[in-house]
Amino acid sequence: MKNQQDFNYQLIVNATASETMEKIAQVNLWWAKNFKGKAGKLKDGFSVHFGQTYVNFSISEVVPNKKVIWLVTDCNLHWIKDKKEWKNTEVIWNLTEKEGKTQIDFVHKGLNPESECYEACEPGWTHHLKDSLLKLIDEGQGFPE
């Protein structure tokens, strides 16, 4: 039997929680160059595009320097049967600051091993978080697609 746990990933960055929240909101600098909208405040909306694939988000919750939730309002995951699989899922960022470093607890609620896109989405999120967001925060340069 497969584990039903939602995809989660943890990072520790060399920045304050405030600086970390700012960098997370700069989606075009670590995830998708093709980014439209704003991702910094409650009720902001934004979209990311990767060719035929797109995902639209609304920021549904913000606790300054502690938590941000991105709600997926629409999507087209063109390579799978259920192209709307991410719709109504949530990308949750929980931040904990300790001694000038911040722990990021990332959860994509609704993305689990039973999800059709899990095999592609799990390594995708891992790469964007570990290889791009971490480098943007710690070194000043991310690697968006």
Protein backbone atom coordinates (compact mmCIF):
# COMPACT_ATOMS: atom_id res chain seq x y z
CA MET A 1 0.00 0.00 0.00
CA LYS A 2 1.30 3.45 -0.90
CA ASN A 3 1.85 6.20 1.63
CA GLN A 4 -0.93 8.80 1.29
CA GLN A 5 1.15 11.63 2.75
CA ASP A 6 1.13 14.89 0.84
CA PHE A 7 4.42 15.91 -0.75
CA ASN A 8 6.57 17.77 1.75
CA TYR A 9 10.10 19.08 1.79
CA GLN A 10 12.19 20.84 4.40
CA LEU A 11 14.98 23.37 3.85
CA ILE A 12 17.08 25.50 6.18
CA VAL A 13 18.24 28.77 4.66
CA ASN A 14 20.70 31.43 5.79
CA ALA A 15 18.17 34.26 6.00
CA THR A 16 15.58 35.70 8.33
CA ALA A 17 11.94 34.64 7.97
CA SER A 18 11.14 38.08 6.52
CA GLU A 19 13.87 37.77 3.86
CA THR A 20 12.76 34.20 3.13
CA MET A 21 9.12 35.25 2.58
CA GLU A 22 10.30 37.96 0.18
CA LYS A 23 12.33 35.46 -1.86
CA ILE A 24 9.51 32.88 -1.97
CA ALA A 25 7.28 35.61 -3.45
CA GLN A 26 9.84 36.23 -6.23
CA VAL A 27 8.55 33.19 -8.11
CA ASN A 28 10.15 34.31 -11.39
CA LEU A 29 13.61 34.17 -9.79
CA TRP A 30 13.45 30.55 -8.60
CA TRP A 31 10.56 28.64 -10.25
CA ALA A 32 9.17 30.02 -13.50
CA LYS A 33 10.54 32.79 -15.70
CA ASN A 34 7.09 32.90 -17.35
CA PHE A 35 5.31 34.38 -14.31
CA LYS A 36 2.43 36.87 -14.27
CA GLY A 37 0.83 38.63 -11.33
CA LYS A 38 1.94 39.14 -7.74
CA ALA A 39 2.74 36.64 -4.99
CA GLY A 40 3.45 38.82 -1.96
CA LYS A 41 0.20 39.62 -0.16
CA LEU A 42 -3.13 38.10 0.84
CA LYS A 43 -5.47 37.76 -2.17
CA ASP A 44 -2.66 38.35 -4.68
CA GLY A 45 -3.03 36.17 -7.75
CA PHE A 46 -0.37 34.83 -10.06
CA SER A 47 0.27 32.25 -12.73
CA VAL A 48 3.24 30.24 -13.92
CA HIS A 49 3.55 28.82 -17.44
CA PHE A 50 5.74 26.04 -18.80
CA GLY A 51 4.78 25.65 -22.46
CA GLN A 52 1.26 24.16 -22.54
CA THR A 53 1.29 23.70 -18.77
CA TYR A 54 0.08 26.49 -16.52
CA VAL A 55 -0.94 26.87 -12.89
CA ASN A 56 -2.95 29.79 -11.45
CA PHE A 57 -2.75 30.61 -7.76
CA SER A 58 -4.43 32.87 -5.24
CA ILE A 59 -2.78 33.66 -1.92
CA SER A 60 -5.41 32.46 0.55
CA GLU A 61 -3.57 32.91 3.85
CA VAL A 62 -0.64 34.96 5.13
CA VAL A 63 0.80 35.02 8.63
CA PRO A 64 3.73 37.46 8.32
CA ASN A 65 7.10 35.71 8.65
CA LYS A 66 5.38 32.43 9.60
CA LYS A 67 3.12 31.06 6.87
CA VAL A 68 1.84 31.55 3.32
CA ILE A 69 -0.72 29.41 1.49
CA TRP A 70 -1.09 29.40 -2.29
CA LEU A 71 -4.43 27.96 -3.46
CA VAL A 72 -4.44 26.50 -6.97
CA THR A 73 -7.45 28.11 -8.68
CA ASP A 74 -6.90 26.61 -12.15
CA CYS A 75 -4.32 24.59 -14.03
CA ASN A 76 -3.53 22.67 -17.17
CA LEU A 77 -1.12 19.81 -16.56
CA HIS A 78 -1.00 18.90 -20.23
CA TRP A 79 0.95 15.63 -19.95
CA ILE A 80 -1.53 13.75 -17.72
CA LYS A 81 -5.14 12.59 -18.17
CA ASP A 82 -6.57 14.73 -15.36
CA LYS A 83 -5.25 18.08 -16.54
CA LYS A 84 -6.94 19.80 -13.56
CA GLU A 85 -5.40 17.50 -10.94
CA TRP A 86 -3.84 20.36 -8.98
CA LYS A 87 -7.00 22.49 -8.91
CA ASN A 88 -8.04 23.24 -5.30
CA THR A 89 -4.77 21.86 -3.91
CA GLU A 90 -2.69 24.08 -1.64
CA VAL A 91 0.99 24.93 -1.56
CA ILE A 92 1.80 25.67 2.09
CA TRP A 93 4.93 27.41 3.30
CA ASN A 94 5.57 27.28 7.07
CA LEU A 95 8.58 29.25 8.31
CA THR A 96 10.42 28.98 11.62
CA GLU A 97 13.27 31.40 12.33
CA LYS A 98 16.08 30.40 14.68
CA GLU A 99 19.30 32.36 15.20
CA GLY A 100 19.21 34.15 11.84
CA LYS A 101 18.36 31.00 9.86
CA THR A 102 14.93 29.95 8.69
CA GLN A 103 13.49 26.48 8.39
CA ILE A 104 11.02 26.16 5.52
CA ASP A 105 8.46 23.37 5.87
CA PHE A 106 6.89 23.06 2.42
CA VAL A 107 3.77 20.99 1.79
CA HIS A 108 1.80 20.57 -1.42
CA LYS A 109 -1.50 19.48 0.13
CA GLY A 110 -3.29 17.25 -2.34
CA LEU A 111 -0.17 16.02 -4.12
CA ASN A 112 0.53 12.51 -2.84
CA PRO A 113 1.82 9.21 -4.25
CA GLU A 114 -1.67 8.37 -5.55
CA SER A 115 -1.68 11.55 -7.69
CA GLU A 116 -1.28 10.98 -11.41
CA CYS A 117 1.48 13.60 -11.69
CA TYR A 118 3.37 12.56 -8.53
CA GLU A 119 6.22 10.80 -10.38
CA ALA A 120 6.96 14.00 -12.34
CA CYS A 121 5.87 16.59 -9.77
CA GLU A 122 7.78 15.23 -6.76
CA PRO A 123 11.22 15.53 -8.40
CA GLY A 124 10.15 18.83 -9.98
CA TRP A 125 9.26 20.43 -6.65
CA THR A 126 12.37 18.94 -5.03
CA HIS A 127 14.58 20.45 -7.75
CA HIS A 128 12.97 23.90 -7.60
CA LEU A 129 13.21 24.02 -3.82
CA LYS A 130 16.63 22.45 -3.26
CA ASP A 131 18.46 23.58 -6.38
CA SER A 132 16.84 26.94 -7.07
CA LEU A 133 15.00 28.55 -4.13
CA LEU A 134 17.77 27.56 -1.71
CA LYS A 135 20.41 29.06 -4.01
CA LEU A 136 18.36 32.23 -4.53
CA ILE A 137 18.10 32.77 -0.78
CA ASP A 138 21.62 31.67 0.21
CA GLU A 139 23.62 32.80 -2.84
CA GLY A 140 21.43 35.40 -4.59
CA GLN A 141 20.88 33.39 -7.79
CA GLY A 142 18.09 30.92 -8.50
CA PHE A 143 17.55 28.80 -11.60
CA PRO A 144 13.96 29.27 -12.80
CA GLU A 145 12.65 27.37 -15.82
